[in-house]
Amino acid sequence: MVNRVVVGAHYGLKDWLLQRLTAVVMAVYSVVILVVLLAGNVQGYAGWKGLFGQGWMRFASLLFVLSVLIHAWVGIRDIWMDYVKNTGVRLALQTLTVLWLVGCGGWAVQVLWRL
């Protein structure tokens, strides 16, 4: 029997695909925002409030934020796994990272639905 030891950030295809998928979502959202800005329909606070008051824009923005958070988690987790060898320190850093990202996600939801 072969004992397999998993060391580092080599999780394989699932994480690679997750990184690419979230990058595509962020790129598409960026293009949508760019088109909206170039159209010139959004001017001043009232214009931005009107834009983000629409359900599709809130959903797209939430999808973008979730993509950023997932993308960041996979990237930062890989950094901690590759460069922090002490298991206790690595676990602490990963826990703090998760708490920070969840907090940022909660704050983003609050901002998007407070309008």
PDB file of N, CA and C in Angstrom:
ATOM      1  N   MET A   1       0.848  -1.174   0.000  1.00  0.00           N
ATOM      2  CA  MET A   1       0.000   0.000   0.000  1.00  0.00           C
ATOM      3  C   MET A   1       0.894   1.237   0.000  1.00  0.00           C
ATOM      4  N   VAL A   2       0.517   2.223  -0.774  1.00  0.00           N
ATOM      5  CA  VAL A   2       1.275   3.455  -0.883  1.00  0.00           C
ATOM      6  C   VAL A   2       0.609   4.512  -0.022  1.00  0.00           C
ATOM      7  N   ASN A   3       1.373   5.104   0.868  1.00  0.00           N
ATOM      8  CA  ASN A   3       0.863   6.217   1.679  1.00  0.00           C
ATOM      9  C   ASN A   3       1.125   7.504   0.933  1.00  0.00           C
ATOM     10  N   ARG A   4       0.073   8.192   0.612  1.00  0.00           N
ATOM     11  CA  ARG A   4       0.195   9.435  -0.135  1.00  0.00           C
ATOM     12  C   ARG A   4       0.246  10.594   0.844  1.00  0.00           C
ATOM     13  N   VAL A   5       1.259  11.422   0.733  1.00  0.00           N
ATOM     14  CA  VAL A   5       1.400  12.594   1.583  1.00  0.00           C
ATOM     15  C   VAL A   5       1.117  13.823   0.732  1.00  0.00           C
ATOM     16  N   VAL A   6       0.103  14.570   1.128  1.00  0.00           N
ATOM     17  CA  VAL A   6      -0.251  15.778   0.403  1.00  0.00           C
ATOM     18  C   VAL A   6       0.411  16.957   1.096  1.00  0.00           C
ATOM     19  N   VAL A   7       1.284  17.612   0.373  1.00  0.00           N
ATOM     20  CA  VAL A   7       2.009  18.752   0.925  1.00  0.00           C
ATOM     21  C   VAL A   7       1.871  19.907  -0.044  1.00  0.00           C
ATOM     22  N   GLY A   8       1.650  21.088   0.481  1.00  0.00           N
ATOM     23  CA  GLY A   8       1.582  22.271  -0.365  1.00  0.00           C
ATOM     24  C   GLY A   8       0.187  22.484  -0.916  1.00  0.00           C
ATOM     25  N   ALA A   9       0.121  23.280  -1.950  1.00  0.00           N
ATOM     26  CA  ALA A   9      -1.153  23.705  -2.504  1.00  0.00           C
ATOM     27  C   ALA A   9      -1.540  22.917  -3.747  1.00  0.00           C
ATOM     28  N   HIS A  10      -1.207  21.675  -3.814  1.00  0.00           N
ATOM     29  CA  HIS A  10      -1.469  20.874  -5.006  1.00  0.00           C
ATOM     30  C   HIS A  10      -2.802  20.146  -4.876  1.00  0.00           C
ATOM     31  N   TYR A  11      -3.890  20.900  -5.027  1.00  0.00           N
ATOM     32  CA  TYR A  11      -5.211  20.311  -4.887  1.00  0.00           C
ATOM     33  C   TYR A  11      -5.770  19.858  -6.217  1.00  0.00           C
ATOM     34  N   GLY A  12      -5.180  20.285  -7.317  1.00  0.00           N
ATOM     35  CA  GLY A  12      -5.560  19.742  -8.596  1.00  0.00           C
ATOM     36  C   GLY A  12      -6.560  20.539  -9.382  1.00  0.00           C
ATOM     37  N   LEU A  13      -7.268  19.803 -10.197  1.00  0.00           N
ATOM     38  CA  LEU A  13      -8.135  20.384 -11.211  1.00  0.00           C
ATOM     39  C   LEU A  13      -9.262  21.233 -10.630  1.00  0.00           C
ATOM     40  N   LYS A  14      -9.854  20.796  -9.524  1.00  0.00           N
ATOM     41  CA  LYS A  14     -10.993  21.524  -8.944  1.00  0.00           C
ATOM     42  C   LYS A  14     -10.631  22.970  -8.621  1.00  0.00           C
ATOM     43  N   ASP A  15      -9.507  23.176  -7.945  1.00  0.00           N
ATOM     44  CA  ASP A  15      -9.112  24.532  -7.575  1.00  0.00           C
ATOM     45  C   ASP A  15      -8.656  25.334  -8.784  1.00  0.00           C
ATOM     46  N   TRP A  16      -8.024  24.675  -9.729  1.00  0.00           N
ATOM     47  CA  TRP A  16      -7.609  25.355 -10.956  1.00  0.00           C
ATOM     48  C   TRP A  16      -8.839  25.876 -11.695  1.00  0.00           C
ATOM     49  N   LEU A  17      -9.860  25.020 -11.823  1.00  0.00           N
ATOM     50  CA  LEU A  17     -11.096  25.434 -12.487  1.00  0.00           C
ATOM     51  C   LEU A  17     -11.817  26.538 -11.716  1.00  0.00           C
ATOM     52  N   LEU A  18     -11.811  26.439 -10.401  1.00  0.00           N
ATOM     53  CA  LEU A  18     -12.448  27.454  -9.572  1.00  0.00           C
ATOM     54  C   LEU A  18     -11.794  28.817  -9.773  1.00  0.00           C
ATOM     55  N   GLN A  19     -10.472  28.839  -9.828  1.00  0.00           N
ATOM     56  CA  GLN A  19      -9.752  30.089 -10.073  1.00  0.00           C
ATOM     57  C   GLN A  19     -10.127  30.668 -11.438  1.00  0.00           C
ATOM     58  N   ARG A  20     -10.189  29.821 -12.448  1.00  0.00           N
ATOM     59  CA  ARG A  20     -10.498  30.296 -13.803  1.00  0.00           C
ATOM     60  C   ARG A  20     -11.936  30.758 -13.917  1.00  0.00           C
ATOM     61  N   LEU A  21     -12.856  30.022 -13.322  1.00  0.00           N
ATOM     62  CA  LEU A  21     -14.268  30.397 -13.371  1.00  0.00           C
ATOM     63  C   LEU A  21     -14.505  31.742 -12.684  1.00  0.00           C
ATOM     64  N   THR A  22     -13.932  31.916 -11.507  1.00  0.00           N
ATOM     65  CA  THR A  22     -14.125  33.192 -10.804  1.00  0.00           C
ATOM     66  C   THR A  22     -13.459  34.336 -11.566  1.00  0.00           C
ATOM     67  N   ALA A  23     -12.342  34.068 -12.224  1.00  0.00           N
ATOM     68  CA  ALA A  23     -11.693  35.107 -13.026  1.00  0.00           C
ATOM     69  C   ALA A  23     -12.573  35.516 -14.203  1.00  0.00           C
ATOM     70  N   VAL A  24     -13.240  34.558 -14.820  1.00  0.00           N
ATOM     71  CA  VAL A  24     -14.145  34.870 -15.934  1.00  0.00           C
ATOM     72  C   VAL A  24     -15.325  35.705 -15.444  1.00  0.00           C
ATOM     73  N   VAL A  25     -15.897  35.328 -14.305  1.00  0.00           N
ATOM     74  CA  VAL A  25     -17.020  36.098 -13.741  1.00  0.00           C
ATOM     75  C   VAL A  25     -16.583  37.539 -13.470  1.00  0.00           C
ATOM     76  N   MET A  26     -15.395  37.711 -12.879  1.00  0.00           N
ATOM     77  CA  MET A  26     -14.909  39.064 -12.589  1.00  0.00           C
ATOM     78  C   MET A  26     -14.649  39.853 -13.868  1.00  0.00           C
ATOM     79  N   ALA A  27     -14.137  39.188 -14.898  1.00  0.00           N
ATOM     80  CA  ALA A  27     -13.874  39.871 -16.172  1.00  0.00           C
ATOM     81  C   ALA A  27     -15.175  40.310 -16.840  1.00  0.00           C
ATOM     82  N   VAL A  28     -16.172  39.442 -16.841  1.00  0.00           N
ATOM     83  CA  VAL A  28     -17.464  39.788 -17.453  1.00  0.00           C
ATOM     84  C   VAL A  28     -18.108  40.955 -16.706  1.00  0.00           C
ATOM     85  N   TYR A  29     -18.069  40.920 -15.385  1.00  0.00           N
ATOM     86  CA  TYR A  29     -18.634  42.020 -14.592  1.00  0.00           C
ATOM     87  C   TYR A  29     -17.893  43.326 -14.901  1.00  0.00           C
ATOM     88  N   SER A  30     -16.580  43.251 -15.024  1.00  0.00           N
ATOM     89  CA  SER A  30     -15.792  44.443 -15.325  1.00  0.00           C
ATOM     90  C   SER A  30     -16.177  45.027 -16.678  1.00  0.00           C
ATOM     91  N   VAL A  31     -16.426  44.171 -17.654  1.00  0.00           N
ATOM     92  CA  VAL A  31     -16.859  44.644 -18.973  1.00  0.00           C
ATOM     93  C   VAL A  31     -18.234  45.300 -18.868  1.00  0.00           C
ATOM     94  N   VAL A  32     -19.138  44.703 -18.099  1.00  0.00           N
ATOM     95  CA  VAL A  32     -20.475  45.275 -17.923  1.00  0.00           C
ATOM     96  C   VAL A  32     -20.374  46.669 -17.291  1.00  0.00           C
ATOM     97  N   ILE A  33     -19.567  46.804 -16.249  1.00  0.00           N
ATOM     98  CA  ILE A  33     -19.393  48.108 -15.598  1.00  0.00           C
ATOM     99  C   ILE A  33     -18.785  49.116 -16.580  1.00  0.00           C
ATOM    100  N   LEU A  34     -17.814  48.679 -17.355  1.00  0.00           N
ATOM    101  CA  LEU A  34     -17.184  49.557 -18.332  1.00  0.00           C
ATOM    102  C   LEU A  34     -18.188  50.038 -19.369  1.00  0.00           C
ATOM    103  N   VAL A  35     -19.039  49.140 -19.855  1.00  0.00           N
ATOM    104  CA  VAL A  35     -20.070  49.513 -20.829  1.00  0.00           C
ATOM    105  C   VAL A  35     -21.035  50.516 -20.209  1.00  0.00           C
ATOM    106  N   VAL A  36     -21.434  50.278 -18.969  1.00  0.00           N
ATOM    107  CA  VAL A  36     -22.354  51.200 -18.290  1.00  0.00           C
ATOM    108  C   VAL A  36     -21.708  52.577 -18.142  1.00  0.00           C
ATOM    109  N   LEU A  37     -20.430  52.603 -17.772  1.00  0.00           N
ATOM    110  CA  LEU A  37     -19.735  53.886 -17.619  1.00  0.00           C
ATOM    111  C   LEU A  37     -19.582  54.610 -18.953  1.00  0.00           C
ATOM    112  N   LEU A  38     -19.243  53.865 -20.002  1.00  0.00           N
ATOM    113  CA  LEU A  38     -19.068  54.485 -21.313  1.00  0.00           C
ATOM    114  C   LEU A  38     -20.384  54.952 -21.914  1.00  0.00           C
ATOM    115  N   ALA A  39     -21.485  54.314 -21.541  1.00  0.00           N
ATOM    116  CA  ALA A  39     -22.800  54.744 -22.024  1.00  0.00           C
ATOM    117  C   ALA A  39     -23.150  56.115 -21.462  1.00  0.00           C
ATOM    118  N   GLY A  40     -22.582  56.472 -20.326  1.00  0.00           N
ATOM    119  CA  GLY A  40     -22.765  57.805 -19.764  1.00  0.00           C
ATOM    120  C   GLY A  40     -24.098  58.042 -19.091  1.00  0.00           C
ATOM    121  N   ASN A  41     -24.839  56.979 -18.824  1.00  0.00           N
ATOM    122  CA  ASN A  41     -26.152  57.149 -18.197  1.00  0.00           C
ATOM    123  C   ASN A  41     -26.071  57.334 -16.693  1.00  0.00           C
ATOM    124  N   VAL A  42     -24.918  57.054 -16.126  1.00  0.00           N
ATOM    125  CA  VAL A  42     -24.767  57.113 -14.676  1.00  0.00           C
ATOM    126  C   VAL A  42     -23.955  58.355 -14.327  1.00  0.00           C
ATOM    127  N   GLN A  43     -24.654  59.336 -13.770  1.00  0.00           N
ATOM    128  CA  GLN A  43     -23.984  60.565 -13.352  1.00  0.00           C
ATOM    129  C   GLN A  43     -24.482  60.947 -11.971  1.00  0.00           C
ATOM    130  N   GLY A  44     -23.552  61.148 -11.074  1.00  0.00           N
ATOM    131  CA  GLY A  44     -23.908  61.574  -9.737  1.00  0.00           C
ATOM    132  C   GLY A  44     -24.444  60.445  -8.873  1.00  0.00           C
ATOM    133  N   TYR A  45     -24.748  60.804  -7.661  1.00  0.00           N
ATOM    134  CA  TYR A  45     -25.222  59.831  -6.675  1.00  0.00           C
ATOM    135  C   TYR A  45     -26.540  59.190  -7.100  1.00  0.00           C
ATOM    136  N   ALA A  46     -27.447  59.990  -7.616  1.00  0.00           N
ATOM    137  CA  ALA A  46     -28.765  59.470  -8.008  1.00  0.00           C
ATOM    138  C   ALA A  46     -28.634  58.437  -9.127  1.00  0.00           C
ATOM    139  N   GLY A  47     -27.725  58.678 -10.062  1.00  0.00           N
ATOM    140  CA  GLY A  47     -27.524  57.725 -11.151  1.00  0.00           C
ATOM    141  C   GLY A  47     -26.978  56.394 -10.659  1.00  0.00           C
ATOM    142  N   TRP A  48     -25.976  56.468  -9.763  1.00  0.00           N
ATOM    143  CA  TRP A  48     -25.404  55.239  -9.200  1.00  0.00           C
ATOM    144  C   TRP A  48     -26.426  54.506  -8.342  1.00  0.00           C
ATOM    145  N   LYS A  49     -27.196  55.260  -7.565  1.00  0.00           N
ATOM    146  CA  LYS A  49     -28.220  54.637  -6.724  1.00  0.00           C
ATOM    147  C   LYS A  49     -29.273  53.966  -7.590  1.00  0.00           C
ATOM    148  N   GLY A  50     -29.646  54.601  -8.678  1.00  0.00           N
ATOM    149  CA  GLY A  50     -30.610  54.008  -9.600  1.00  0.00           C
ATOM    150  C   GLY A  50     -30.072  52.747 -10.253  1.00  0.00           C
ATOM    151  N   LEU A  51     -28.804  52.778 -10.635  1.00  0.00           N
ATOM    152  CA  LEU A  51     -28.190  51.609 -11.262  1.00  0.00           C
ATOM    153  C   LEU A  51     -28.137  50.427 -10.297  1.00  0.00           C
ATOM    154  N   PHE A  52     -27.649  50.668  -9.082  1.00  0.00           N
ATOM    155  CA  PHE A  52     -27.518  49.587  -8.116  1.00  0.00           C
ATOM    156  C   PHE A  52     -28.828  49.274  -7.409  1.00  0.00           C
ATOM    157  N   GLY A  53     -29.871  50.046  -7.669  1.00  0.00           N
ATOM    158  CA  GLY A  53     -31.191  49.744  -7.137  1.00  0.00           C
ATOM    159  C   GLY A  53     -31.904  48.669  -7.949  1.00  0.00           C
ATOM    160  N   GLN A  54     -31.387  48.392  -9.136  1.00  0.00           N
ATOM    161  CA  GLN A  54     -31.988  47.366  -9.992  1.00  0.00           C
ATOM    162  C   GLN A  54     -31.541  45.976  -9.525  1.00  0.00           C
ATOM    163  N   GLY A  55     -32.470  45.053  -9.548  1.00  0.00           N
ATOM    164  CA  GLY A  55     -32.192  43.711  -9.054  1.00  0.00           C
ATOM    165  C   GLY A  55     -31.073  43.000  -9.795  1.00  0.00           C
ATOM    166  N   TRP A  56     -31.026  43.135 -11.116  1.00  0.00           N
ATOM    167  CA  TRP A  56     -29.994  42.432 -11.890  1.00  0.00           C
ATOM    168  C   TRP A  56     -28.602  42.950 -11.554  1.00  0.00           C
ATOM    169  N   MET A  57     -28.489  44.251 -11.271  1.00  0.00           N
ATOM    170  CA  MET A  57     -27.184  44.817 -10.953  1.00  0.00           C
ATOM    171  C   MET A  57     -26.732  44.390  -9.554  1.00  0.00           C
ATOM    172  N   ARG A  58     -27.659  44.324  -8.628  1.00  0.00           N
ATOM    173  CA  ARG A  58     -27.318  43.830  -7.294  1.00  0.00           C
ATOM    174  C   ARG A  58     -26.871  42.377  -7.360  1.00  0.00           C
ATOM    175  N   PHE A  59     -27.597  41.571  -8.130  1.00  0.00           N
ATOM    176  CA  PHE A  59     -27.230  40.162  -8.276  1.00  0.00           C
ATOM    177  C   PHE A  59     -25.853  40.032  -8.925  1.00  0.00           C
ATOM    178  N   ALA A  60     -25.623  40.789  -9.997  1.00  0.00           N
ATOM    179  CA  ALA A  60     -24.321  40.737 -10.680  1.00  0.00           C
ATOM    180  C   ALA A  60     -23.201  41.194  -9.748  1.00  0.00           C
ATOM    181  N   SER A  61     -23.465  42.218  -8.962  1.00  0.00           N
ATOM    182  CA  SER A  61     -22.459  42.713  -8.025  1.00  0.00           C
ATOM    183  C   SER A  61     -22.190  41.698  -6.916  1.00  0.00           C
ATOM    184  N   LEU A  62     -23.233  41.052  -6.429  1.00  0.00           N
ATOM    185  CA  LEU A  62     -23.052  40.019  -5.411  1.00  0.00           C
ATOM    186  C   LEU A  62     -22.269  38.839  -5.980  1.00  0.00           C
ATOM    187  N   LEU A  63     -22.571  38.457  -7.201  1.00  0.00           N
ATOM    188  CA  LEU A  63     -21.833  37.378  -7.856  1.00  0.00           C
ATOM    189  C   LEU A  63     -20.363  37.766  -8.021  1.00  0.00           C
ATOM    190  N   PHE A  64     -20.110  39.021  -8.352  1.00  0.00           N
ATOM    191  CA  PHE A  64     -18.744  39.513  -8.472  1.00  0.00           C
ATOM    192  C   PHE A  64     -18.025  39.450  -7.128  1.00  0.00           C
ATOM    193  N   VAL A  65     -18.677  39.912  -6.077  1.00  0.00           N
ATOM    194  CA  VAL A  65     -18.060  39.901  -4.741  1.00  0.00           C
ATOM    195  C   VAL A  65     -17.771  38.466  -4.305  1.00  0.00           C
ATOM    196  N   LEU A  66     -18.714  37.569  -4.497  1.00  0.00           N
ATOM    197  CA  LEU A  66     -18.486  36.169  -4.136  1.00  0.00           C
ATOM    198  C   LEU A  66     -17.331  35.574  -4.935  1.00  0.00           C
ATOM    199  N   SER A  67     -17.246  35.935  -6.203  1.00  0.00           N
ATOM    200  CA  SER A  67     -16.135  35.460  -7.032  1.00  0.00           C
ATOM    201  C   SER A  67     -14.804  35.981  -6.528  1.00  0.00           C
ATOM    202  N   VAL A  68     -14.757  37.240  -6.146  1.00  0.00           N
ATOM    203  CA  VAL A  68     -13.523  37.812  -5.595  1.00  0.00           C
ATOM    204  C   VAL A  68     -13.130  37.089  -4.313  1.00  0.00           C
ATOM    205  N   LEU A  69     -14.106  36.835  -3.447  1.00  0.00           N
ATOM    206  CA  LEU A  69     -13.814  36.171  -2.180  1.00  0.00           C
ATOM    207  C   LEU A  69     -13.312  34.745  -2.386  1.00  0.00           C
ATOM    208  N   ILE A  70     -13.948  34.000  -3.271  1.00  0.00           N
ATOM    209  CA  ILE A  70     -13.506  32.629  -3.559  1.00  0.00           C
ATOM    210  C   ILE A  70     -12.133  32.641  -4.202  1.00  0.00           C
ATOM    211  N   HIS A  71     -11.933  33.530  -5.156  1.00  0.00           N
ATOM    212  CA  HIS A  71     -10.654  33.661  -5.846  1.00  0.00           C
ATOM    213  C   HIS A  71      -9.542  33.999  -4.846  1.00  0.00           C
ATOM    214  N   ALA A  72      -9.845  34.911  -3.961  1.00  0.00           N
ATOM    215  CA  ALA A  72      -8.861  35.301  -2.942  1.00  0.00           C
ATOM    216  C   ALA A  72      -8.577  34.150  -1.995  1.00  0.00           C
ATOM    217  N   TRP A  73      -9.612  33.424  -1.590  1.00  0.00           N
ATOM    218  CA  TRP A  73      -9.399  32.311  -0.665  1.00  0.00           C
ATOM    219  C   TRP A  73      -8.482  31.251  -1.272  1.00  0.00           C
ATOM    220  N   VAL A  74      -8.746  30.862  -2.508  1.00  0.00           N
ATOM    221  CA  VAL A  74      -7.911  29.829  -3.134  1.00  0.00           C
ATOM    222  C   VAL A  74      -6.465  30.320  -3.257  1.00  0.00           C
ATOM    223  N   GLY A  75      -6.294  31.549  -3.662  1.00  0.00           N
ATOM    224  CA  GLY A  75      -4.941  32.085  -3.817  1.00  0.00           C
ATOM    225  C   GLY A  75      -4.197  32.222  -2.502  1.00  0.00           C
ATOM    226  N   ILE A  76      -4.837  32.803  -1.505  1.00  0.00           N
ATOM    227  CA  ILE A  76      -4.178  33.005  -0.212  1.00  0.00           C
ATOM    228  C   ILE A  76      -3.944  31.673   0.487  1.00  0.00           C
ATOM    229  N   ARG A  77      -4.916  30.758   0.387  1.00  0.00           N
ATOM    230  CA  ARG A  77      -4.730  29.440   0.980  1.00  0.00           C
ATOM    231  C   ARG A  77      -3.512  28.734   0.378  1.00  0.00           C
ATOM    232  N   ASP A  78      -3.354  28.851  -0.927  1.00  0.00           N
ATOM    233  CA  ASP A  78      -2.195  28.243  -1.578  1.00  0.00           C
ATOM    234  C   ASP A  78      -0.890  28.874  -1.098  1.00  0.00           C
ATOM    235  N   ILE A  79      -0.908  30.176  -0.894  1.00  0.00           N
ATOM    236  CA  ILE A  79       0.294  30.847  -0.377  1.00  0.00           C
ATOM    237  C   ILE A  79       0.613  30.334   1.022  1.00  0.00           C
ATOM    238  N   TRP A  80      -0.399  30.267   1.899  1.00  0.00           N
ATOM    239  CA  TRP A  80      -0.153  29.767   3.261  1.00  0.00           C
ATOM    240  C   TRP A  80       0.356  28.327   3.213  1.00  0.00           C
ATOM    241  N   MET A  81      -0.243  27.505   2.352  1.00  0.00           N
ATOM    242  CA  MET A  81       0.170  26.098   2.278  1.00  0.00           C
ATOM    243  C   MET A  81       1.591  25.949   1.744  1.00  0.00           C
ATOM    244  N   ASP A  82       1.981  26.789   0.820  1.00  0.00           N
ATOM    245  CA  ASP A  82       3.309  26.667   0.207  1.00  0.00           C
ATOM    246  C   ASP A  82       4.426  27.243   1.061  1.00  0.00           C
ATOM    247  N   TYR A  83       4.157  28.332   1.768  1.00  0.00           N
ATOM    248  CA  TYR A  83       5.255  29.065   2.392  1.00  0.00           C
ATOM    249  C   TYR A  83       5.269  29.037   3.917  1.00  0.00           C
ATOM    250  N   VAL A  84       4.183  28.626   4.555  1.00  0.00           N
ATOM    251  CA  VAL A  84       4.163  28.557   6.022  1.00  0.00           C
ATOM    252  C   VAL A  84       4.207  27.079   6.407  1.00  0.00           C
ATOM    253  N   LYS A  85       5.341  26.652   6.911  1.00  0.00           N
ATOM    254  CA  LYS A  85       5.544  25.227   7.190  1.00  0.00           C
ATOM    255  C   LYS A  85       5.011  24.799   8.557  1.00  0.00           C
ATOM    256  N   ASN A  86       4.987  25.693   9.530  1.00  0.00           N
ATOM    257  CA  ASN A  86       4.483  25.365  10.861  1.00  0.00           C
ATOM    258  C   ASN A  86       2.964  25.205  10.788  1.00  0.00           C
ATOM    259  N   THR A  87       2.474  24.033  11.152  1.00  0.00           N
ATOM    260  CA  THR A  87       1.053  23.731  11.018  1.00  0.00           C
ATOM    261  C   THR A  87       0.169  24.652  11.857  1.00  0.00           C
ATOM    262  N   GLY A  88       0.578  24.947  13.077  1.00  0.00           N
ATOM    263  CA  GLY A  88      -0.221  25.819  13.937  1.00  0.00           C
ATOM    264  C   GLY A  88      -0.326  27.232  13.400  1.00  0.00           C
ATOM    265  N   VAL A  89       0.787  27.762  12.942  1.00  0.00           N
ATOM    266  CA  VAL A  89       0.786  29.114  12.372  1.00  0.00           C
ATOM    267  C   VAL A  89      -0.041  29.136  11.091  1.00  0.00           C
ATOM    268  N   ARG A  90       0.117  28.103  10.263  1.00  0.00           N
ATOM    269  CA  ARG A  90      -0.642  28.035   9.011  1.00  0.00           C
ATOM    270  C   ARG A  90      -2.142  27.967   9.297  1.00  0.00           C
ATOM    271  N   LEU A  91      -2.543  27.169  10.264  1.00  0.00           N
ATOM    272  CA  LEU A  91      -3.957  27.062  10.623  1.00  0.00           C
ATOM    273  C   LEU A  91      -4.492  28.394  11.139  1.00  0.00           C
ATOM    274  N   ALA A  92      -3.701  29.070  11.954  1.00  0.00           N
ATOM    275  CA  ALA A  92      -4.114  30.379  12.465  1.00  0.00           C
ATOM    276  C   ALA A  92      -4.273  31.382  11.328  1.00  0.00           C
ATOM    277  N   LEU A  93      -3.332  31.398  10.412  1.00  0.00           N
ATOM    278  CA  LEU A  93      -3.411  32.323   9.279  1.00  0.00           C
ATOM    279  C   LEU A  93      -4.602  32.005   8.379  1.00  0.00           C
ATOM    280  N   GLN A  94      -4.853  30.717   8.148  1.00  0.00           N
ATOM    281  CA  GLN A  94      -6.003  30.343   7.333  1.00  0.00           C
ATOM    282  C   GLN A  94      -7.315  30.715   8.022  1.00  0.00           C
ATOM    283  N   THR A  95      -7.378  30.531   9.332  1.00  0.00           N
ATOM    284  CA  THR A  95      -8.577  30.901  10.080  1.00  0.00           C
ATOM    285  C   THR A  95      -8.818  32.405  10.021  1.00  0.00           C
ATOM    286  N   LEU A  96      -7.763  33.181  10.224  1.00  0.00           N
ATOM    287  CA  LEU A  96      -7.898  34.637  10.138  1.00  0.00           C
ATOM    288  C   LEU A  96      -8.302  35.076   8.732  1.00  0.00           C
ATOM    289  N   THR A  97      -7.766  34.408   7.734  1.00  0.00           N
ATOM    290  CA  THR A  97      -8.123  34.733   6.351  1.00  0.00           C
ATOM    291  C   THR A  97      -9.598  34.461   6.087  1.00  0.00           C
ATOM    292  N   VAL A  98     -10.076  33.310   6.539  1.00  0.00           N
ATOM    293  CA  VAL A  98     -11.493  32.968   6.355  1.00  0.00           C
ATOM    294  C   VAL A  98     -12.379  33.980   7.077  1.00  0.00           C
ATOM    295  N   LEU A  99     -12.035  34.314   8.309  1.00  0.00           N
ATOM    296  CA  LEU A  99     -12.823  35.294   9.059  1.00  0.00           C
ATOM    297  C   LEU A  99     -12.850  36.648   8.359  1.00  0.00           C
ATOM    298  N   TRP A 100     -11.695  37.073   7.860  1.00  0.00           N
ATOM    299  CA  TRP A 100     -11.611  38.348   7.142  1.00  0.00           C
ATOM    300  C   TRP A 100     -12.476  38.313   5.882  1.00  0.00           C
ATOM    301  N   LEU A 101     -12.384  37.243   5.108  1.00  0.00           N
ATOM    302  CA  LEU A 101     -13.148  37.157   3.863  1.00  0.00           C
ATOM    303  C   LEU A 101     -14.648  37.069   4.129  1.00  0.00           C
ATOM    304  N   VAL A 102     -15.057  36.330   5.142  1.00  0.00           N
ATOM    305  CA  VAL A 102     -16.478  36.259   5.490  1.00  0.00           C
ATOM    306  C   VAL A 102     -16.975  37.633   5.940  1.00  0.00           C
ATOM    307  N   GLY A 103     -16.164  38.336   6.715  1.00  0.00           N
ATOM    308  CA  GLY A 103     -16.526  39.691   7.136  1.00  0.00           C
ATOM    309  C   GLY A 103     -16.673  40.635   5.948  1.00  0.00           C
ATOM    310  N   CYS A 104     -15.753  40.537   5.013  1.00  0.00           N
ATOM    311  CA  CYS A 104     -15.840  41.375   3.806  1.00  0.00           C
ATOM    312  C   CYS A 104     -17.079  41.034   2.990  1.00  0.00           C
ATOM    313  N   GLY A 105     -17.406  39.752   2.903  1.00  0.00           N
ATOM    314  CA  GLY A 105     -18.611  39.344   2.189  1.00  0.00           C
ATOM    315  C   GLY A 105     -19.873  39.861   2.860  1.00  0.00           C
ATOM    316  N   GLY A 106     -19.929  39.777   4.185  1.00  0.00           N
ATOM    317  CA  GLY A 106     -21.075  40.317   4.914  1.00  0.00           C
ATOM    318  C   GLY A 106     -21.221  41.814   4.742  1.00  0.00           C
ATOM    319  N   TRP A 107     -20.098  42.505   4.764  1.00  0.00           N
ATOM    320  CA  TRP A 107     -20.124  43.956   4.577  1.00  0.00           C
ATOM    321  C   TRP A 107     -20.618  44.298   3.174  1.00  0.00           C
ATOM    322  N   ALA A 108     -20.160  43.537   2.168  1.00  0.00           N
ATOM    323  CA  ALA A 108     -20.592  43.790   0.784  1.00  0.00           C
ATOM    324  C   ALA A 108     -22.095  43.573   0.635  1.00  0.00           C
ATOM    325  N   VAL A 109     -22.622  42.531   1.258  1.00  0.00           N
ATOM    326  CA  VAL A 109     -24.059  42.283   1.202  1.00  0.00           C
ATOM    327  C   VAL A 109     -24.814  43.433   1.856  1.00  0.00           C
ATOM    328  N   GLN A 110     -24.305  43.906   2.981  1.00  0.00           N
ATOM    329  CA  GLN A 110     -24.939  45.021   3.670  1.00  0.00           C
ATOM    330  C   GLN A 110     -24.945  46.269   2.791  1.00  0.00           C
ATOM    331  N   VAL A 111     -23.846  46.544   2.131  1.00  0.00           N
ATOM    332  CA  VAL A 111     -23.761  47.720   1.254  1.00  0.00           C
ATOM    333  C   VAL A 111     -24.726  47.580   0.076  1.00  0.00           C
ATOM    334  N   LEU A 112     -24.756  46.406  -0.539  1.00  0.00           N
ATOM    335  CA  LEU A 112     -25.598  46.224  -1.737  1.00  0.00           C
ATOM    336  C   LEU A 112     -27.084  46.297  -1.411  1.00  0.00           C
ATOM    337  N   TRP A 113     -27.499  45.813  -0.264  1.00  0.00           N
ATOM    338  CA  TRP A 113     -28.924  45.787   0.032  1.00  0.00           C
ATOM    339  C   TRP A 113     -29.369  46.894   0.984  1.00  0.00           C
ATOM    340  N   ARG A 114     -28.488  47.832   1.254  1.00  0.00           N
ATOM    341  CA  ARG A 114     -28.866  48.954   2.117  1.00  0.00           C
ATOM    342  C   ARG A 114     -29.444  50.102   1.297  1.00  0.00           C
ATOM    343  N   LEU A 115     -29.221  50.080   0.002  1.00  0.00           N
ATOM    344  CA  LEU A 115     -29.657  51.202  -0.839  1.00  0.00           C
ATOM    345  C   LEU A 115     -31.076  51.559  -0.593  1.00  0.00           C
TER     346      LEU A 115
END
